[in-house]
Amino acid sequence: MISRELIAASAEPLILSILQREENYGYAIAEKVRAFSGGKMNWTEGMLYPVLHRLERRGLLQSRWEAQENGRKRRYYSVTTKGRKALAERRSEWETVHAALNQAWGT
């Protein structure tokens, strides 16, 4: 498994990256992370929703409620213009870290 620290550090850029493709709801976001990581990153609701709410408070995401066929409501999240800019900055940072690690590991 991946360390909690690394999962926490990657949460925001992962969420923003997933949502820049299309709006989605919490459970679907967690499932995409699980799939992208080959099952090595299993996010709980207790980890995911505080990050989604924090990103929304910071203006990086927006959300809307949609009624489902069963009558329940589901909250969909999407990236704002500010969120896309923040994602571009995070991506550059992660690429720098990735390159440094590759050099340190000799790959």
N, C-alpha and C. Protein backbone atom coordinates (compact mmCIF):
# COMPACT_ATOMS: atom_id res chain seq x y z
N MET A 1 0.82 -1.19 0.00
CA MET A 1 0.00 0.00 0.00
C MET A 1 0.87 1.26 0.00
N ILE A 2 0.27 2.32 -0.40
CA ILE A 2 0.95 3.60 -0.48
C ILE A 2 0.77 4.33 0.85
N SER A 3 1.80 5.04 1.28
CA SER A 3 1.75 5.73 2.57
C SER A 3 0.63 6.78 2.60
N ARG A 4 0.10 6.99 3.80
CA ARG A 4 -0.96 7.98 3.99
C ARG A 4 -0.49 9.36 3.59
N GLU A 5 0.77 9.67 3.87
CA GLU A 5 1.32 10.98 3.55
C GLU A 5 1.32 11.23 2.05
N LEU A 6 1.73 10.22 1.28
CA LEU A 6 1.78 10.38 -0.17
C LEU A 6 0.36 10.46 -0.75
N ILE A 7 -0.55 9.68 -0.20
CA ILE A 7 -1.94 9.74 -0.65
C ILE A 7 -2.51 11.13 -0.37
N ALA A 8 -2.26 11.66 0.82
CA ALA A 8 -2.75 12.99 1.16
C ALA A 8 -2.16 14.06 0.25
N ALA A 9 -0.86 13.94 -0.04
CA ALA A 9 -0.20 14.94 -0.88
C ALA A 9 -0.72 14.91 -2.32
N SER A 10 -1.14 13.75 -2.78
CA SER A 10 -1.59 13.62 -4.17
C SER A 10 -3.09 13.80 -4.34
N ALA A 11 -3.83 13.92 -3.25
CA ALA A 11 -5.29 13.97 -3.34
C ALA A 11 -5.81 15.13 -4.18
N GLU A 12 -5.36 16.33 -3.90
CA GLU A 12 -5.88 17.48 -4.64
C GLU A 12 -5.58 17.40 -6.13
N PRO A 13 -4.32 17.16 -6.54
CA PRO A 13 -4.09 17.09 -7.99
C PRO A 13 -4.83 15.92 -8.66
N LEU A 14 -4.99 14.81 -7.95
CA LEU A 14 -5.75 13.70 -8.53
C LEU A 14 -7.21 14.08 -8.74
N ILE A 15 -7.82 14.67 -7.74
CA ILE A 15 -9.22 15.07 -7.85
C ILE A 15 -9.40 16.09 -8.97
N LEU A 16 -8.56 17.10 -9.00
CA LEU A 16 -8.66 18.12 -10.04
C LEU A 16 -8.45 17.51 -11.43
N SER A 17 -7.52 16.59 -11.54
CA SER A 17 -7.26 15.94 -12.84
C SER A 17 -8.46 15.13 -13.31
N ILE A 18 -9.05 14.38 -12.40
CA ILE A 18 -10.22 13.57 -12.76
C ILE A 18 -11.38 14.47 -13.16
N LEU A 19 -11.59 15.54 -12.42
CA LEU A 19 -12.73 16.41 -12.70
C LEU A 19 -12.52 17.36 -13.87
N GLN A 20 -11.28 17.54 -14.30
CA GLN A 20 -11.08 18.38 -15.48
C GLN A 20 -11.58 17.66 -16.73
N ARG A 21 -11.65 16.34 -16.69
CA ARG A 21 -12.15 15.56 -17.82
C ARG A 21 -13.67 15.67 -17.92
N GLU A 22 -14.35 15.54 -16.76
CA GLU A 22 -15.80 15.63 -16.71
C GLU A 22 -16.23 15.75 -15.26
N GLU A 23 -17.39 16.35 -15.04
CA GLU A 23 -17.90 16.43 -13.68
C GLU A 23 -18.22 15.03 -13.18
N ASN A 24 -18.18 14.87 -11.86
CA ASN A 24 -18.44 13.56 -11.30
C ASN A 24 -18.81 13.69 -9.84
N TYR A 25 -19.23 12.59 -9.23
CA TYR A 25 -19.62 12.57 -7.82
C TYR A 25 -18.58 11.78 -7.03
N GLY A 26 -18.65 11.92 -5.71
CA GLY A 26 -17.61 11.39 -4.84
C GLY A 26 -17.25 9.94 -5.04
N TYR A 27 -18.23 9.05 -5.00
CA TYR A 27 -17.94 7.62 -5.12
C TYR A 27 -17.24 7.32 -6.44
N ALA A 28 -17.70 7.94 -7.53
CA ALA A 28 -17.10 7.71 -8.84
C ALA A 28 -15.65 8.22 -8.88
N ILE A 29 -15.38 9.32 -8.20
CA ILE A 29 -14.01 9.84 -8.13
C ILE A 29 -13.11 8.82 -7.42
N ALA A 30 -13.58 8.32 -6.28
CA ALA A 30 -12.80 7.33 -5.53
C ALA A 30 -12.55 6.07 -6.37
N GLU A 31 -13.54 5.66 -7.14
CA GLU A 31 -13.39 4.47 -8.00
C GLU A 31 -12.36 4.72 -9.10
N LYS A 32 -12.34 5.92 -9.65
CA LYS A 32 -11.35 6.24 -10.69
C LYS A 32 -9.94 6.21 -10.10
N VAL A 33 -9.77 6.75 -8.91
CA VAL A 33 -8.46 6.72 -8.25
C VAL A 33 -8.02 5.27 -8.04
N ARG A 34 -8.95 4.45 -7.57
CA ARG A 34 -8.66 3.03 -7.34
C ARG A 34 -8.22 2.38 -8.66
N ALA A 35 -8.94 2.66 -9.73
CA ALA A 35 -8.62 2.07 -11.03
C ALA A 35 -7.27 2.58 -11.55
N PHE A 36 -7.05 3.89 -11.47
CA PHE A 36 -5.80 4.47 -11.96
C PHE A 36 -4.59 3.92 -11.21
N SER A 37 -4.77 3.57 -9.94
CA SER A 37 -3.66 3.09 -9.11
C SER A 37 -3.55 1.57 -9.09
N GLY A 38 -4.34 0.91 -9.90
CA GLY A 38 -4.31 -0.54 -9.91
C GLY A 38 -4.77 -1.14 -8.58
N GLY A 39 -5.66 -0.43 -7.91
CA GLY A 39 -6.20 -0.90 -6.64
C GLY A 39 -5.33 -0.61 -5.43
N LYS A 40 -4.26 0.13 -5.60
CA LYS A 40 -3.34 0.41 -4.49
C LYS A 40 -3.73 1.63 -3.67
N MET A 41 -4.64 2.45 -4.19
CA MET A 41 -5.10 3.62 -3.47
C MET A 41 -6.60 3.48 -3.28
N ASN A 42 -7.02 3.22 -2.06
CA ASN A 42 -8.44 3.06 -1.74
C ASN A 42 -8.86 4.18 -0.81
N TRP A 43 -9.50 5.18 -1.38
CA TRP A 43 -9.92 6.33 -0.59
C TRP A 43 -11.23 6.04 0.12
N THR A 44 -11.31 6.48 1.36
CA THR A 44 -12.55 6.38 2.12
C THR A 44 -13.32 7.69 1.97
N GLU A 45 -14.60 7.65 2.32
CA GLU A 45 -15.40 8.86 2.31
C GLU A 45 -14.82 9.89 3.27
N GLY A 46 -14.32 9.42 4.40
CA GLY A 46 -13.76 10.31 5.41
C GLY A 46 -12.52 11.03 4.93
N MET A 47 -11.87 10.50 3.93
CA MET A 47 -10.70 11.16 3.36
C MET A 47 -11.10 12.03 2.17
N LEU A 48 -11.99 11.52 1.32
CA LEU A 48 -12.34 12.20 0.07
C LEU A 48 -13.17 13.46 0.27
N TYR A 49 -14.26 13.36 1.02
CA TYR A 49 -15.19 14.49 1.09
C TYR A 49 -14.60 15.74 1.75
N PRO A 50 -13.79 15.62 2.77
CA PRO A 50 -13.16 16.86 3.28
C PRO A 50 -12.29 17.56 2.23
N VAL A 51 -11.63 16.78 1.38
CA VAL A 51 -10.80 17.39 0.33
C VAL A 51 -11.70 18.06 -0.71
N LEU A 52 -12.78 17.40 -1.11
CA LEU A 52 -13.72 18.01 -2.06
C LEU A 52 -14.29 19.31 -1.51
N HIS A 53 -14.69 19.29 -0.25
CA HIS A 53 -15.26 20.50 0.36
C HIS A 53 -14.23 21.62 0.48
N ARG A 54 -12.99 21.26 0.82
CA ARG A 54 -11.92 22.26 0.92
C ARG A 54 -11.65 22.88 -0.45
N LEU A 55 -11.60 22.05 -1.49
CA LEU A 55 -11.37 22.58 -2.85
C LEU A 55 -12.52 23.50 -3.28
N GLU A 56 -13.72 23.14 -2.88
CA GLU A 56 -14.87 23.99 -3.23
C GLU A 56 -14.81 25.32 -2.48
N ARG A 57 -14.48 25.28 -1.19
CA ARG A 57 -14.36 26.53 -0.41
C ARG A 57 -13.28 27.45 -0.99
N ARG A 58 -12.23 26.86 -1.53
CA ARG A 58 -11.14 27.66 -2.12
C ARG A 58 -11.46 28.13 -3.54
N GLY A 59 -12.62 27.74 -4.07
CA GLY A 59 -13.03 28.18 -5.39
C GLY A 59 -12.43 27.37 -6.53
N LEU A 60 -11.85 26.22 -6.23
CA LEU A 60 -11.24 25.39 -7.27
C LEU A 60 -12.24 24.41 -7.88
N LEU A 61 -13.32 24.14 -7.13
CA LEU A 61 -14.40 23.29 -7.61
C LEU A 61 -15.72 24.00 -7.39
N GLN A 62 -16.72 23.57 -8.14
CA GLN A 62 -18.09 23.97 -7.88
C GLN A 62 -18.92 22.69 -7.87
N SER A 63 -20.09 22.75 -7.25
CA SER A 63 -20.91 21.54 -7.19
C SER A 63 -22.37 21.88 -7.46
N ARG A 64 -23.10 20.83 -7.79
CA ARG A 64 -24.54 20.96 -8.02
C ARG A 64 -25.19 19.65 -7.59
N TRP A 65 -26.41 19.73 -7.16
CA TRP A 65 -27.17 18.54 -6.76
C TRP A 65 -28.04 18.11 -7.93
N GLU A 66 -28.14 16.79 -8.11
CA GLU A 66 -28.99 16.24 -9.16
C GLU A 66 -29.79 15.08 -8.58
N ALA A 67 -31.10 15.10 -8.82
CA ALA A 67 -31.96 14.01 -8.36
C ALA A 67 -31.74 12.78 -9.24
N GLN A 68 -31.67 11.61 -8.61
CA GLN A 68 -31.50 10.35 -9.32
C GLN A 68 -32.87 9.70 -9.53
N GLU A 69 -32.91 8.66 -10.35
CA GLU A 69 -34.17 7.98 -10.64
C GLU A 69 -34.82 7.42 -9.38
N ASN A 70 -34.00 7.04 -8.41
CA ASN A 70 -34.54 6.47 -7.17
C ASN A 70 -35.01 7.54 -6.18
N GLY A 71 -34.94 8.81 -6.60
CA GLY A 71 -35.39 9.90 -5.75
C GLY A 71 -34.32 10.51 -4.88
N ARG A 72 -33.19 9.84 -4.77
CA ARG A 72 -32.09 10.38 -3.97
C ARG A 72 -31.37 11.45 -4.76
N LYS A 73 -30.66 12.31 -4.05
CA LYS A 73 -29.87 13.36 -4.70
C LYS A 73 -28.40 12.97 -4.68
N ARG A 74 -27.70 13.38 -5.72
CA ARG A 74 -26.27 13.12 -5.82
C ARG A 74 -25.59 14.45 -6.12
N ARG A 75 -24.47 14.70 -5.44
CA ARG A 75 -23.73 15.95 -5.62
C ARG A 75 -22.62 15.74 -6.64
N TYR A 76 -22.68 16.52 -7.72
CA TYR A 76 -21.68 16.46 -8.78
C TYR A 76 -20.72 17.64 -8.64
N TYR A 77 -19.45 17.35 -8.84
CA TYR A 77 -18.39 18.36 -8.73
C TYR A 77 -17.77 18.59 -10.10
N SER A 78 -17.36 19.83 -10.35
CA SER A 78 -16.63 20.17 -11.57
C SER A 78 -15.56 21.21 -11.24
N VAL A 79 -14.57 21.29 -12.10
CA VAL A 79 -13.43 22.19 -11.90
C VAL A 79 -13.78 23.58 -12.41
N THR A 80 -13.42 24.59 -11.66
CA THR A 80 -13.59 25.98 -12.08
C THR A 80 -12.36 26.43 -12.87
N THR A 81 -12.43 27.61 -13.44
CA THR A 81 -11.27 28.17 -14.14
C THR A 81 -10.09 28.31 -13.18
N LYS A 82 -10.37 28.75 -11.96
CA LYS A 82 -9.32 28.86 -10.94
C LYS A 82 -8.73 27.48 -10.63
N GLY A 83 -9.57 26.46 -10.62
CA GLY A 83 -9.11 25.10 -10.38
C GLY A 83 -8.21 24.59 -11.49
N ARG A 84 -8.54 24.92 -12.72
CA ARG A 84 -7.69 24.49 -13.86
C ARG A 84 -6.31 25.14 -13.78
N LYS A 85 -6.28 26.40 -13.36
CA LYS A 85 -5.00 27.09 -13.20
C LYS A 85 -4.19 26.43 -12.07
N ALA A 86 -4.85 26.14 -10.96
CA ALA A 86 -4.17 25.49 -9.83
C ALA A 86 -3.65 24.12 -10.24
N LEU A 87 -4.44 23.39 -11.04
CA LEU A 87 -4.00 22.07 -11.50
C LEU A 87 -2.75 22.18 -12.37
N ALA A 88 -2.70 23.16 -13.24
CA ALA A 88 -1.51 23.34 -14.08
C ALA A 88 -0.27 23.59 -13.21
N GLU A 89 -0.43 24.37 -12.16
CA GLU A 89 0.68 24.63 -11.25
C GLU A 89 1.09 23.36 -10.51
N ARG A 90 0.12 22.61 -10.00
CA ARG A 90 0.42 21.35 -9.28
C ARG A 90 1.09 20.35 -10.22
N ARG A 91 0.62 20.29 -11.45
CA ARG A 91 1.20 19.35 -12.40
C ARG A 91 2.67 19.66 -12.63
N SER A 92 2.99 20.91 -12.77
CA SER A 92 4.39 21.31 -12.96
C SER A 92 5.23 20.91 -11.75
N GLU A 93 4.68 21.11 -10.55
CA GLU A 93 5.39 20.72 -9.33
C GLU A 93 5.63 19.21 -9.28
N TRP A 94 4.58 18.44 -9.58
CA TRP A 94 4.71 16.97 -9.54
C TRP A 94 5.68 16.48 -10.61
N GLU A 95 5.69 17.10 -11.77
CA GLU A 95 6.64 16.70 -12.81
C GLU A 95 8.08 16.96 -12.37
N THR A 96 8.30 18.06 -11.65
CA THR A 96 9.63 18.36 -11.12
C THR A 96 10.04 17.32 -10.09
N VAL A 97 9.13 16.98 -9.18
CA VAL A 97 9.42 15.96 -8.17
C VAL A 97 9.69 14.61 -8.83
N HIS A 98 8.88 14.25 -9.80
CA HIS A 98 9.04 12.99 -10.53
C HIS A 98 10.41 12.93 -11.21
N ALA A 99 10.78 13.99 -11.89
CA ALA A 99 12.08 14.03 -12.57
C ALA A 99 13.23 13.92 -11.58
N ALA A 100 13.13 14.61 -10.45
CA ALA A 100 14.18 14.55 -9.43
C ALA A 100 14.31 13.13 -8.87
N LEU A 101 13.18 12.49 -8.59
CA LEU A 101 13.22 11.12 -8.09
C LEU A 101 13.82 10.17 -9.11
N ASN A 102 13.46 10.31 -10.36
CA ASN A 102 14.03 9.46 -11.41
C ASN A 102 15.54 9.62 -11.49
N GLN A 103 16.02 10.84 -11.37
CA GLN A 103 17.47 11.06 -11.41
C GLN A 103 18.13 10.45 -10.16
N ALA A 104 17.52 10.64 -9.00
CA ALA A 104 18.08 10.11 -7.77
C ALA A 104 18.11 8.58 -7.81
N TRP A 105 17.11 7.97 -8.41
CA TRP A 105 17.05 6.51 -8.49
C TRP A 105 17.87 5.96 -9.64
N GLY A 106 18.38 6.87 -10.49
CA GLY A 106 19.21 6.43 -11.61
C GLY A 106 18.41 5.84 -12.76
N THR A 107 17.16 6.26 -12.90
CA THR A 107 16.33 5.75 -14.01
C THR A 107 16.12 6.78 -15.07
